[in-house]
Protein backbone atom coordinates (compact mmCIF):
# COMPACT_ATOMS: atom_id res chain seq x y z
CA MET A 1 -18.53 -75.99 -0.33
CA TRP A 2 -16.05 -77.97 -1.42
CA SER A 3 -12.70 -76.81 0.14
CA LEU A 4 -10.82 -74.67 -1.93
CA PRO A 5 -7.00 -75.86 -3.32
CA PRO A 6 -3.80 -74.34 -2.74
CA THR A 7 -2.42 -71.42 -4.77
CA ASP A 8 -0.95 -72.91 -7.75
CA THR A 9 1.81 -72.03 -9.05
CA VAL A 10 1.62 -74.17 -11.94
CA LEU A 11 -1.21 -72.11 -12.99
CA HIS A 12 0.32 -68.92 -12.47
CA PHE A 13 3.09 -69.80 -14.88
CA LEU A 14 0.99 -70.90 -17.45
CA SER A 15 -1.37 -68.07 -17.09
CA LEU A 16 1.90 -65.85 -18.03
CA VAL A 17 2.82 -68.31 -20.97
CA ALA A 18 -1.10 -68.28 -22.03
CA VAL A 19 -1.27 -63.94 -22.08
CA ALA A 20 1.95 -63.92 -23.93
CA ALA A 21 0.27 -66.64 -26.85
CA GLN A 22 -3.12 -64.89 -27.05
CA GLY A 23 -0.98 -61.77 -27.41
CA MET A 24 1.18 -63.55 -30.46
CA THR A 25 -1.86 -64.55 -31.76
CA ALA A 26 -3.48 -61.35 -31.79
CA ALA A 27 0.01 -60.03 -33.71
CA LEU A 28 0.12 -63.02 -36.53
CA ALA A 29 -4.09 -61.85 -37.28
CA ALA A 30 -3.07 -58.37 -37.38
CA GLY A 31 -0.47 -58.66 -39.73
CA ARG A 32 -2.74 -60.68 -42.54
CA ARG A 33 -4.89 -57.23 -42.12
CA SER A 34 -1.45 -54.94 -42.44
CA MET A 35 -2.65 -53.11 -39.06
CA ASP A 36 0.62 -50.70 -37.76
CA TRP A 37 2.42 -51.69 -34.77
CA LEU A 38 0.10 -49.39 -32.33
CA GLY A 39 -2.92 -51.56 -33.66
CA VAL A 40 -0.77 -54.95 -33.02
CA CYS A 41 0.13 -54.33 -29.18
CA PHE A 42 -3.46 -53.00 -28.94
CA LEU A 43 -5.33 -56.03 -30.05
CA GLY A 44 -2.24 -58.27 -28.47
CA CYS A 45 -3.48 -56.35 -25.12
CA ILE A 46 -7.58 -56.87 -26.22
CA THR A 47 -6.93 -60.46 -27.13
CA ALA A 48 -4.78 -61.60 -23.79
CA LEU A 49 -7.09 -59.97 -21.24
CA GLY A 50 -10.72 -59.60 -23.11
CA GLY A 51 -11.69 -62.78 -21.49
CA GLY A 52 -10.67 -62.44 -18.12
CA THR A 53 -11.86 -58.48 -18.17
CA LEU A 54 -15.12 -60.06 -19.11
CA ARG A 55 -15.20 -62.87 -16.39
CA ASP A 56 -14.15 -60.30 -13.64
CA LEU A 57 -16.93 -57.57 -15.12
CA PHE A 58 -19.61 -60.68 -14.75
CA LEU A 59 -18.75 -61.91 -11.45
CA GLY A 60 -17.91 -58.21 -10.05
CA HIS A 61 -14.58 -59.76 -9.31
CA TYR A 62 -12.20 -55.97 -8.76
CA PRO A 63 -9.98 -55.26 -9.22
CA LEU A 64 -10.13 -56.56 -12.92
CA ALA A 65 -6.91 -58.94 -13.21
CA TRP A 66 -5.01 -56.41 -15.67
CA VAL A 67 -5.37 -53.51 -13.19
CA ALA A 68 -4.63 -55.26 -10.46
CA ASN A 69 -1.46 -56.54 -11.96
CA PRO A 70 0.13 -54.69 -14.71
CA VAL A 71 2.74 -57.28 -15.89
CA TYR A 72 0.09 -58.94 -17.65
CA LEU A 73 -0.65 -55.95 -19.94
CA ALA A 74 3.29 -55.24 -20.39
CA LEU A 75 3.33 -58.65 -21.28
CA ALA A 76 0.60 -58.90 -24.04
CA GLY A 77 1.69 -56.08 -25.69
CA GLY A 78 5.43 -57.48 -26.07
CA ALA A 79 4.86 -60.36 -27.08
CA ALA A 80 2.49 -59.00 -29.53
CA PHE A 81 5.31 -56.47 -30.48
CA VAL A 82 8.36 -59.52 -30.61
CA THR A 83 6.11 -60.96 -32.96
CA ILE A 84 6.25 -58.57 -35.22
CA LEU A 85 10.19 -58.71 -35.33
CA ILE A 86 10.40 -62.71 -35.53
CA ALA A 87 6.99 -63.35 -37.73
CA ARG A 88 8.51 -63.51 -40.86
CA LEU A 89 11.28 -66.24 -39.39
CA VAL A 90 7.82 -68.56 -38.45
CA HIS A 91 7.71 -70.50 -41.78
CA ARG A 92 4.24 -72.43 -40.42
CA LEU A 93 2.33 -69.49 -39.77
CA LYS A 94 -1.18 -71.17 -39.48
CA VAL A 95 0.44 -73.89 -37.26
CA ALA A 96 1.47 -71.44 -34.72
CA PHE A 97 -1.17 -69.82 -34.71
CA ILE A 98 -3.66 -72.90 -33.99
CA VAL A 99 -1.36 -74.28 -31.58
CA LEU A 100 -0.46 -70.66 -29.60
CA ASP A 101 -4.19 -70.04 -29.82
CA ALA A 102 -5.35 -73.54 -28.20
CA ILE A 103 -2.64 -72.95 -25.12
CA GLY A 104 -5.05 -69.83 -24.63
CA LEU A 105 -8.05 -71.20 -24.34
CA VAL A 106 -6.90 -73.72 -22.27
CA VAL A 107 -5.29 -71.99 -19.74
CA PHE A 108 -7.27 -69.13 -19.15
CA THR A 109 -9.78 -71.70 -19.24
CA MET A 110 -8.56 -73.08 -16.13
CA THR A 111 -7.95 -69.54 -14.71
CA GLY A 112 -11.68 -68.99 -14.68
CA CYS A 113 -12.94 -71.69 -13.48
CA ASP A 114 -9.98 -70.59 -10.25
CA VAL A 115 -11.29 -67.00 -9.94
CA ALA A 116 -15.04 -68.05 -9.70
CA TRP A 117 -14.28 -71.00 -7.95
CA GLN A 118 -12.55 -69.00 -5.19
CA MET A 119 -15.59 -66.57 -5.20
CA ASP A 120 -18.29 -69.57 -3.86
CA ALA A 121 -19.41 -70.06 -7.38
CA THR A 122 -21.80 -73.14 -8.11
CA LEU A 123 -20.40 -75.23 -10.45
CA PRO A 124 -22.16 -74.09 -13.59
CA ILE A 125 -20.62 -70.31 -12.94
CA VAL A 126 -17.46 -71.87 -12.39
CA ILE A 127 -17.53 -73.82 -15.70
CA VAL A 128 -19.65 -70.74 -17.65
CA SER A 129 -16.27 -68.47 -16.17
CA GLY A 130 -14.01 -70.58 -17.84
CA MET A 131 -15.68 -70.78 -20.85
CA VAL A 132 -16.16 -66.97 -21.14
CA THR A 133 -12.30 -66.37 -20.01
CA GLY A 134 -10.87 -69.04 -22.60
CA CYS A 135 -13.12 -67.97 -25.47
CA ALA A 136 -13.94 -64.30 -25.79
CA GLY A 137 -10.76 -62.76 -26.22
CA GLY A 138 -10.24 -64.67 -29.50
CA VAL A 139 -13.06 -63.85 -30.36
CA LEU A 140 -12.76 -60.10 -29.58
CA ARG A 141 -9.63 -60.59 -31.90
CA ASP A 142 -11.64 -62.51 -34.77
CA VAL A 143 -14.14 -59.72 -35.23
CA LEU A 144 -11.66 -56.98 -35.15
CA CYS A 145 -10.28 -58.46 -37.70
CA ASN A 146 -13.14 -59.08 -39.53
CA ASP A 147 -12.49 -63.05 -39.56
CA VAL A 148 -14.78 -65.67 -38.59
CA PRO A 149 -13.93 -66.47 -34.90
CA LEU A 150 -13.03 -69.56 -34.49
CA LEU A 151 -15.54 -70.23 -31.80
CA PHE A 152 -17.73 -70.63 -34.62
CA ARG A 153 -16.11 -72.66 -37.36
CA SER A 154 -16.19 -75.79 -38.00
CA GLU A 155 -13.68 -77.28 -35.12
CA LEU A 156 -14.27 -78.04 -31.59
CA TYR A 157 -13.66 -74.86 -29.53
CA ALA A 158 -16.28 -73.79 -26.75
CA SER A 159 -16.82 -77.70 -26.86
CA VAL A 160 -13.23 -78.48 -25.29
CA SER A 161 -13.27 -75.41 -22.87
CA VAL A 162 -15.98 -76.84 -21.08
CA VAL A 163 -14.07 -80.46 -20.95
CA THR A 164 -11.61 -78.53 -19.57
CA GLY A 165 -13.35 -77.19 -17.34
CA LEU A 166 -15.21 -79.85 -15.82
CA PHE A 167 -12.01 -82.31 -15.76
CA TYR A 168 -10.14 -79.53 -14.33
CA ALA A 169 -13.18 -78.73 -11.33
CA THR A 170 -13.11 -81.76 -10.31
CA ALA A 171 -10.37 -81.11 -8.21
CA PHE A 172 -12.26 -79.12 -6.13
CA GLY A 173 -14.03 -81.80 -5.10
CA LEU A 174 -11.65 -84.51 -4.98
CA GLN A 175 -8.48 -82.42 -3.14
CA LEU A 176 -6.39 -83.87 -5.94
CA ASN A 177 -2.86 -82.20 -5.62
CA ALA A 178 -3.40 -78.84 -7.62
CA GLU A 179 0.09 -78.46 -9.09
CA LEU A 180 -0.34 -82.42 -10.96
CA TRP A 181 -4.13 -82.02 -12.07
CA THR A 182 -3.15 -79.13 -13.38
CA ILE A 183 -0.70 -79.98 -15.60
CA LEU A 184 -2.94 -83.32 -16.64
CA THR A 185 -6.07 -80.68 -17.74
CA PHE A 186 -3.31 -78.51 -19.57
CA VAL A 187 -2.43 -81.64 -21.25
CA LEU A 188 -5.65 -83.05 -21.98
CA GLY A 189 -7.39 -79.29 -23.26
CA ILE A 190 -4.28 -78.91 -25.64
CA SER A 191 -4.42 -82.70 -27.06
CA PHE A 192 -8.29 -82.39 -27.36
CA ARG A 193 -8.22 -79.11 -29.33
CA LEU A 194 -5.24 -80.14 -31.75
CA LEU A 195 -6.84 -83.74 -31.71
CA ALA A 196 -10.58 -81.69 -33.14
CA VAL A 197 -8.42 -79.40 -35.36
CA HIS A 198 -6.57 -82.46 -37.02
CA TYR A 199 -9.30 -84.92 -37.30
CA LYS A 200 -11.96 -81.61 -38.15
CA TRP A 201 -14.07 -83.51 -35.22
CA GLU A 202 -17.64 -81.48 -35.36
CA MET A 203 -20.45 -80.60 -32.99
CA PRO A 204 -23.67 -81.31 -35.06
CA LYS A 205 -25.29 -78.48 -36.81
CA PHE A 206 -28.45 -76.74 -37.12
CA VAL A 207 -29.53 -76.13 -40.77
CA PHE A 208 -32.90 -74.51 -42.03
CA THR A 209 -33.21 -72.47 -44.71
CA GLY A 210 -37.17 -72.29 -44.49
CA GLU A 211 -37.39 -74.45 -48.38
CA GLU A 212 -38.47 -77.79 -45.91
CA GLU A 213 -41.72 -75.62 -45.97
CA ARG A 214 -42.59 -75.21 -48.88
């Protein structure tokens, strides 16, 4: 097996930022559905911690991240609540939503890969764990808000997570500087996601209506 990278303080800091960012995306989404304040905070926790919870359940990684570190729960709910108070000051909520969601997608993908690799998982499982951690919380948020999840919309989303995970995982094998590689992966992932949104990059679509057989 490749050797594990040293503890990455940069990734830990970015994880805290991502938890807050996803809590804020949940609040913005909940505001469009006129949820009450408790519902907003609850949705913030589900969005920020849902992907990591599913990852830990799939991998048998206990205790769950937010159980071991309740500060994540407080941070997610607190970020959602603060967003209620400042949302009216944000004039371009759509842009804020996309940027915050991109931060969560990229950082959670890296943390998911990190957790799986520390459990000696194979590379495919590492990548899938990163994708589940990065994407599942946003899917839960959108489903609970009765929106089509970003994962299933036109711009690249899960593909960004896969590319980010593959790029990040190369540091495990090449024994590169963990903190520098984390920053490079973060920049790559964020840039990829925002460029995909701006230029509307899409995966090929499968369209089958049944009319072709007539």
